[in-house]
Amino acid sequence: MRQDDFDYAMENTRVVVAPDQQIATFGTTSFRFYLICELMDQVNEIRVRKGQLHAERPEIVTPEHFVRLLLEGFGEPAQRYADRLREYASNVAVLRYGFRFRRTDVTEHTMRDTLDAVIGRTCREAETADQMSAVIQGVDDAWEVCLLKFTIDLIERSSRSNLGDFRHRGLL
């Protein structure tokens, strides 16, 4: 995949229906996704992919742990830099999110209809499926990039709440 293809997919990913909930702070969260893509070389040919994304519990990554990860395979100059980083970033914590996605969980089908009609039907199906469903419009050739963009947006949406939960429990 070329950089232009990647950028195009990122820019043309649109979440039509977002899940009602965010990523849980203290447990795993599963999301059903419906990814709708208009085929570029066919008029009114739409591909719909359905699958599951599993978000693992966010983990707190302390500066000490982060520095250890940074230093693997580096020598003395990197150690000095890491010591400085440790000094300046003592009050910083990062949340690490993990997602599992198995291609075997994905089904797809193609239908002949307008994009708007397929989006409408899929939204209705997602509403009846469960509250942890997302409907995403994306680019067919780079559909996995579209799914990645969705997960990044979901992390962004969830992180403030997750950080608040960790602070409330005295973990940060």
C-alpha atoms as a PDB file:
ATOM      1  CA  MET A   1       0.000   0.000   0.000  1.00  0.00           C
ATOM      2  CA  ARG A   2       1.332   3.413  -0.948  1.00  0.00           C
ATOM      3  CA  GLN A   3       1.321   6.356   1.444  1.00  0.00           C
ATOM      4  CA  ASP A   4      -1.304   8.069  -0.720  1.00  0.00           C
ATOM      5  CA  ASP A   5      -3.615   5.043  -0.376  1.00  0.00           C
ATOM      6  CA  PHE A   6      -3.140   5.058   3.384  1.00  0.00           C
ATOM      7  CA  ASP A   7      -3.812   8.804   3.635  1.00  0.00           C
ATOM      8  CA  TYR A   8      -6.868   8.511   1.392  1.00  0.00           C
ATOM      9  CA  ALA A   9      -8.313   5.753   3.584  1.00  0.00           C
ATOM     10  CA  MET A  10      -7.671   7.721   6.786  1.00  0.00           C
ATOM     11  CA  GLU A  11      -9.276  10.854   5.351  1.00  0.00           C
ATOM     12  CA  ASN A  12     -12.298   8.997   3.962  1.00  0.00           C
ATOM     13  CA  THR A  13     -13.234   6.988   7.024  1.00  0.00           C
ATOM     14  CA  ARG A  14     -16.468   8.167   8.572  1.00  0.00           C
ATOM     15  CA  VAL A  15     -18.134   6.741  11.647  1.00  0.00           C
ATOM     16  CA  VAL A  16     -21.846   6.776  10.826  1.00  0.00           C
ATOM     17  CA  VAL A  17     -22.933   5.209  14.123  1.00  0.00           C
ATOM     18  CA  ALA A  18     -20.555   5.130  17.093  1.00  0.00           C
ATOM     19  CA  PRO A  19     -20.898   2.583  19.896  1.00  0.00           C
ATOM     20  CA  ASP A  20     -22.952   3.852  22.824  1.00  0.00           C
ATOM     21  CA  GLN A  21     -20.182   2.968  25.275  1.00  0.00           C
ATOM     22  CA  GLN A  22     -16.495   3.656  25.455  1.00  0.00           C
ATOM     23  CA  ILE A  23     -13.621   1.282  26.146  1.00  0.00           C
ATOM     24  CA  ALA A  24     -14.022  -0.084  29.678  1.00  0.00           C
ATOM     25  CA  THR A  25     -11.284   0.936  32.084  1.00  0.00           C
ATOM     26  CA  PHE A  26     -11.222  -2.265  34.115  1.00  0.00           C
ATOM     27  CA  GLY A  27     -12.110  -5.013  31.689  1.00  0.00           C
ATOM     28  CA  THR A  28     -12.257  -6.022  28.068  1.00  0.00           C
ATOM     29  CA  THR A  29     -14.785  -4.510  25.705  1.00  0.00           C
ATOM     30  CA  SER A  30     -16.059  -6.055  22.491  1.00  0.00           C
ATOM     31  CA  PHE A  31     -17.402  -4.032  19.595  1.00  0.00           C
ATOM     32  CA  ARG A  32     -19.317  -5.273  16.577  1.00  0.00           C
ATOM     33  CA  PHE A  33     -18.438  -3.340  13.456  1.00  0.00           C
ATOM     34  CA  TYR A  34     -20.125  -2.938  10.115  1.00  0.00           C
ATOM     35  CA  LEU A  35     -17.753  -1.485   7.536  1.00  0.00           C
ATOM     36  CA  ILE A  36     -19.469  -0.230   4.380  1.00  0.00           C
ATOM     37  CA  CYS A  37     -17.389   0.412   1.263  1.00  0.00           C
ATOM     38  CA  GLU A  38     -18.439   1.524  -2.181  1.00  0.00           C
ATOM     39  CA  LEU A  39     -16.567  -0.435  -4.849  1.00  0.00           C
ATOM     40  CA  MET A  40     -14.590   1.997  -6.978  1.00  0.00           C
ATOM     41  CA  ASP A  41     -14.965   0.253 -10.328  1.00  0.00           C
ATOM     42  CA  GLN A  42     -18.656  -0.686 -10.049  1.00  0.00           C
ATOM     43  CA  VAL A  43     -21.740   1.533  -9.953  1.00  0.00           C
ATOM     44  CA  ASN A  44     -23.994   0.845  -6.939  1.00  0.00           C
ATOM     45  CA  GLU A  45     -21.870  -2.118  -5.783  1.00  0.00           C
ATOM     46  CA  ILE A  46     -21.415  -1.932  -2.029  1.00  0.00           C
ATOM     47  CA  ARG A  47     -19.394  -4.284   0.177  1.00  0.00           C
ATOM     48  CA  VAL A  48     -20.397  -4.691   3.814  1.00  0.00           C
ATOM     49  CA  ARG A  49     -17.991  -6.333   6.235  1.00  0.00           C
ATOM     50  CA  LYS A  50     -19.086  -7.409   9.697  1.00  0.00           C
ATOM     51  CA  GLY A  51     -16.827  -8.460  12.511  1.00  0.00           C
ATOM     52  CA  GLN A  52     -15.710  -8.051  16.083  1.00  0.00           C
ATOM     53  CA  LEU A  53     -13.012  -5.928  17.686  1.00  0.00           C
ATOM     54  CA  HIS A  54     -11.934  -6.750  21.215  1.00  0.00           C
ATOM     55  CA  ALA A  55     -10.421  -3.912  23.251  1.00  0.00           C
ATOM     56  CA  GLU A  56      -8.276  -5.126  26.108  1.00  0.00           C
ATOM     57  CA  ARG A  57      -8.189  -3.350  29.441  1.00  0.00           C
ATOM     58  CA  PRO A  58      -6.062  -0.171  29.201  1.00  0.00           C
ATOM     59  CA  GLU A  59      -2.737  -0.447  31.030  1.00  0.00           C
ATOM     60  CA  ILE A  60      -0.831   2.298  32.799  1.00  0.00           C
ATOM     61  CA  VAL A  61       2.665   2.670  31.407  1.00  0.00           C
ATOM     62  CA  THR A  62       4.859   4.552  33.878  1.00  0.00           C
ATOM     63  CA  PRO A  63       7.934   6.550  32.811  1.00  0.00           C
ATOM     64  CA  GLU A  64      10.135   3.807  34.312  1.00  0.00           C
ATOM     65  CA  HIS A  65       8.516   1.111  32.176  1.00  0.00           C
ATOM     66  CA  PHE A  66       8.464   3.340  29.101  1.00  0.00           C
ATOM     67  CA  VAL A  67      12.183   4.080  29.506  1.00  0.00           C
ATOM     68  CA  ARG A  68      12.968   0.366  29.829  1.00  0.00           C
ATOM     69  CA  LEU A  69      11.134  -0.258  26.572  1.00  0.00           C
ATOM     70  CA  LEU A  70      13.055   2.570  24.924  1.00  0.00           C
ATOM     71  CA  LEU A  71      16.449   1.294  26.057  1.00  0.00           C
ATOM     72  CA  GLU A  72      16.287  -2.236  24.709  1.00  0.00           C
ATOM     73  CA  GLY A  73      19.346  -2.664  22.521  1.00  0.00           C
ATOM     74  CA  PHE A  74      20.791   0.816  23.166  1.00  0.00           C
ATOM     75  CA  GLY A  75      24.046   1.775  24.856  1.00  0.00           C
ATOM     76  CA  GLU A  76      25.403   4.324  27.341  1.00  0.00           C
ATOM     77  CA  PRO A  77      24.372   7.575  25.547  1.00  0.00           C
ATOM     78  CA  ALA A  78      20.799   6.360  25.407  1.00  0.00           C
ATOM     79  CA  GLN A  79      20.982   5.475  29.110  1.00  0.00           C
ATOM     80  CA  ARG A  80      21.975   9.078  29.949  1.00  0.00           C
ATOM     81  CA  TYR A  81      19.090  10.393  27.865  1.00  0.00           C
ATOM     82  CA  ALA A  82      16.726   7.966  29.559  1.00  0.00           C
ATOM     83  CA  ASP A  83      17.886   9.149  32.986  1.00  0.00           C
ATOM     84  CA  ARG A  84      16.995  12.700  31.985  1.00  0.00           C
ATOM     85  CA  LEU A  85      13.668  11.578  30.620  1.00  0.00           C
ATOM     86  CA  ARG A  86      12.961   9.753  33.883  1.00  0.00           C
ATOM     87  CA  GLU A  87      13.771  12.938  35.784  1.00  0.00           C
ATOM     88  CA  TYR A  88      11.502  15.220  33.726  1.00  0.00           C
ATOM     89  CA  ALA A  89       8.664  12.796  33.187  1.00  0.00           C
ATOM     90  CA  SER A  90       8.265  11.519  36.735  1.00  0.00           C
ATOM     91  CA  ASN A  91       4.635  12.694  36.870  1.00  0.00           C
ATOM     92  CA  VAL A  92       3.696  11.425  33.430  1.00  0.00           C
ATOM     93  CA  ALA A  93       1.762   8.252  32.779  1.00  0.00           C
ATOM     94  CA  VAL A  94       0.643   6.878  29.451  1.00  0.00           C
ATOM     95  CA  LEU A  95      -2.267   4.543  28.801  1.00  0.00           C
ATOM     96  CA  ARG A  96      -1.581   1.618  26.533  1.00  0.00           C
ATOM     97  CA  TYR A  97      -4.524   0.165  24.651  1.00  0.00           C
ATOM     98  CA  GLY A  98      -4.541  -3.219  23.028  1.00  0.00           C
ATOM     99  CA  PHE A  99      -6.940  -4.480  20.400  1.00  0.00           C
ATOM    100  CA  ARG A 100      -7.439  -7.961  19.056  1.00  0.00           C
ATOM    101  CA  PHE A 101      -8.874  -8.417  15.632  1.00  0.00           C
ATOM    102  CA  ARG A 102      -9.128 -11.767  13.937  1.00  0.00           C
ATOM    103  CA  ARG A 103      -9.829 -11.878  10.243  1.00  0.00           C
ATOM    104  CA  THR A 104     -11.648 -15.171  10.748  1.00  0.00           C
ATOM    105  CA  ASP A 105     -14.358 -13.247  12.613  1.00  0.00           C
ATOM    106  CA  VAL A 106     -15.060 -11.094   9.557  1.00  0.00           C
ATOM    107  CA  THR A 107     -17.799 -11.847   7.082  1.00  0.00           C
ATOM    108  CA  GLU A 108     -18.476  -9.844   3.965  1.00  0.00           C
ATOM    109  CA  HIS A 109     -21.052  -9.618   1.267  1.00  0.00           C
ATOM    110  CA  THR A 110     -21.599  -7.399  -1.757  1.00  0.00           C
ATOM    111  CA  MET A 111     -24.927  -5.962  -2.793  1.00  0.00           C
ATOM    112  CA  ARG A 112     -26.286  -3.838  -5.609  1.00  0.00           C
ATOM    113  CA  ASP A 113     -27.917  -0.719  -4.199  1.00  0.00           C
ATOM    114  CA  THR A 114     -27.142   2.905  -3.491  1.00  0.00           C
ATOM    115  CA  LEU A 115     -24.656   3.712  -0.769  1.00  0.00           C
ATOM    116  CA  ASP A 116     -27.282   5.647   1.207  1.00  0.00           C
ATOM    117  CA  ALA A 117     -29.742   2.728   1.102  1.00  0.00           C
ATOM    118  CA  VAL A 118     -27.114   0.256   2.324  1.00  0.00           C
ATOM    119  CA  ILE A 119     -26.026   2.622   5.090  1.00  0.00           C
ATOM    120  CA  GLY A 120     -29.661   3.015   6.202  1.00  0.00           C
ATOM    121  CA  ARG A 121     -30.312  -0.734   6.327  1.00  0.00           C
ATOM    122  CA  THR A 122     -27.030  -1.399   8.085  1.00  0.00           C
ATOM    123  CA  CYS A 123     -27.736   1.267  10.710  1.00  0.00           C
ATOM    124  CA  ARG A 124     -31.095  -0.344  11.456  1.00  0.00           C
ATOM    125  CA  GLU A 125     -29.430  -3.773  11.723  1.00  0.00           C
ATOM    126  CA  ALA A 126     -26.755  -2.388  14.060  1.00  0.00           C
ATOM    127  CA  GLU A 127     -29.388  -0.796  16.295  1.00  0.00           C
ATOM    128  CA  THR A 128     -31.142  -4.118  16.781  1.00  0.00           C
ATOM    129  CA  ALA A 129     -27.869  -6.070  17.220  1.00  0.00           C
ATOM    130  CA  ASP A 130     -26.574  -4.403  20.393  1.00  0.00           C
ATOM    131  CA  GLN A 131     -25.371  -1.132  21.865  1.00  0.00           C
ATOM    132  CA  MET A 132     -21.740  -1.948  21.211  1.00  0.00           C
ATOM    133  CA  SER A 133     -22.032  -1.695  17.446  1.00  0.00           C
ATOM    134  CA  ALA A 134     -20.406   0.752  15.071  1.00  0.00           C
ATOM    135  CA  VAL A 135     -21.254   1.509  11.459  1.00  0.00           C
ATOM    136  CA  ILE A 136     -18.291   2.824   9.517  1.00  0.00           C
ATOM    137  CA  GLN A 137     -18.087   4.051   5.942  1.00  0.00           C
ATOM    138  CA  GLY A 138     -14.681   3.532   4.386  1.00  0.00           C
ATOM    139  CA  VAL A 139     -12.503   2.598   1.440  1.00  0.00           C
ATOM    140  CA  ASP A 140     -12.697  -0.973   0.146  1.00  0.00           C
ATOM    141  CA  ASP A 141      -9.067  -1.538  -0.863  1.00  0.00           C
ATOM    142  CA  ALA A 142      -7.806  -0.208   2.457  1.00  0.00           C
ATOM    143  CA  TRP A 143     -10.607  -1.355   4.730  1.00  0.00           C
ATOM    144  CA  GLU A 144      -8.228  -2.445   7.482  1.00  0.00           C
ATOM    145  CA  VAL A 145      -6.822   1.092   7.604  1.00  0.00           C
ATOM    146  CA  CYS A 146     -10.383   2.368   8.048  1.00  0.00           C
ATOM    147  CA  LEU A 147     -10.855  -0.037  10.942  1.00  0.00           C
ATOM    148  CA  LEU A 148      -7.581   1.155  12.460  1.00  0.00           C
ATOM    149  CA  LYS A 149      -8.759   4.770  12.161  1.00  0.00           C
ATOM    150  CA  PHE A 150     -11.958   3.818  13.982  1.00  0.00           C
ATOM    151  CA  THR A 151      -9.984   2.214  16.838  1.00  0.00           C
ATOM    152  CA  ILE A 152      -7.738   5.267  17.170  1.00  0.00           C
ATOM    153  CA  ASP A 153     -10.780   7.542  17.365  1.00  0.00           C
ATOM    154  CA  LEU A 154     -12.352   5.216  19.925  1.00  0.00           C
ATOM    155  CA  ILE A 155      -9.205   5.330  22.070  1.00  0.00           C
ATOM    156  CA  GLU A 156      -9.210   9.110  21.846  1.00  0.00           C
ATOM    157  CA  ARG A 157     -12.859   9.211  22.919  1.00  0.00           C
ATOM    158  CA  SER A 158     -12.295   6.788  25.820  1.00  0.00           C
ATOM    159  CA  SER A 159      -8.961   7.946  27.208  1.00  0.00           C
ATOM    160  CA  ARG A 160     -10.185  10.913  29.275  1.00  0.00           C
ATOM    161  CA  SER A 161     -12.760   8.738  31.049  1.00  0.00           C
ATOM    162  CA  ASN A 162     -10.234   5.923  31.542  1.00  0.00           C
ATOM    163  CA  LEU A 163      -7.679   8.325  33.035  1.00  0.00           C
ATOM    164  CA  GLY A 164     -10.368   9.696  35.368  1.00  0.00           C
ATOM    165  CA  ASP A 165     -11.237   6.175  36.518  1.00  0.00           C
ATOM    166  CA  PHE A 166      -7.567   5.405  37.242  1.00  0.00           C
ATOM    167  CA  ARG A 167      -7.173   8.684  39.169  1.00  0.00           C
ATOM    168  CA  HIS A 168     -10.376   8.070  41.125  1.00  0.00           C
ATOM    169  CA  ARG A 169      -9.018   4.695  42.282  1.00  0.00           C
ATOM    170  CA  GLY A 170      -5.654   6.238  43.206  1.00  0.00           C
ATOM    171  CA  LEU A 171      -3.743   4.414  40.477  1.00  0.00           C
ATOM    172  CA  LEU A 172      -2.299   7.602  38.971  1.00  0.00           C
END
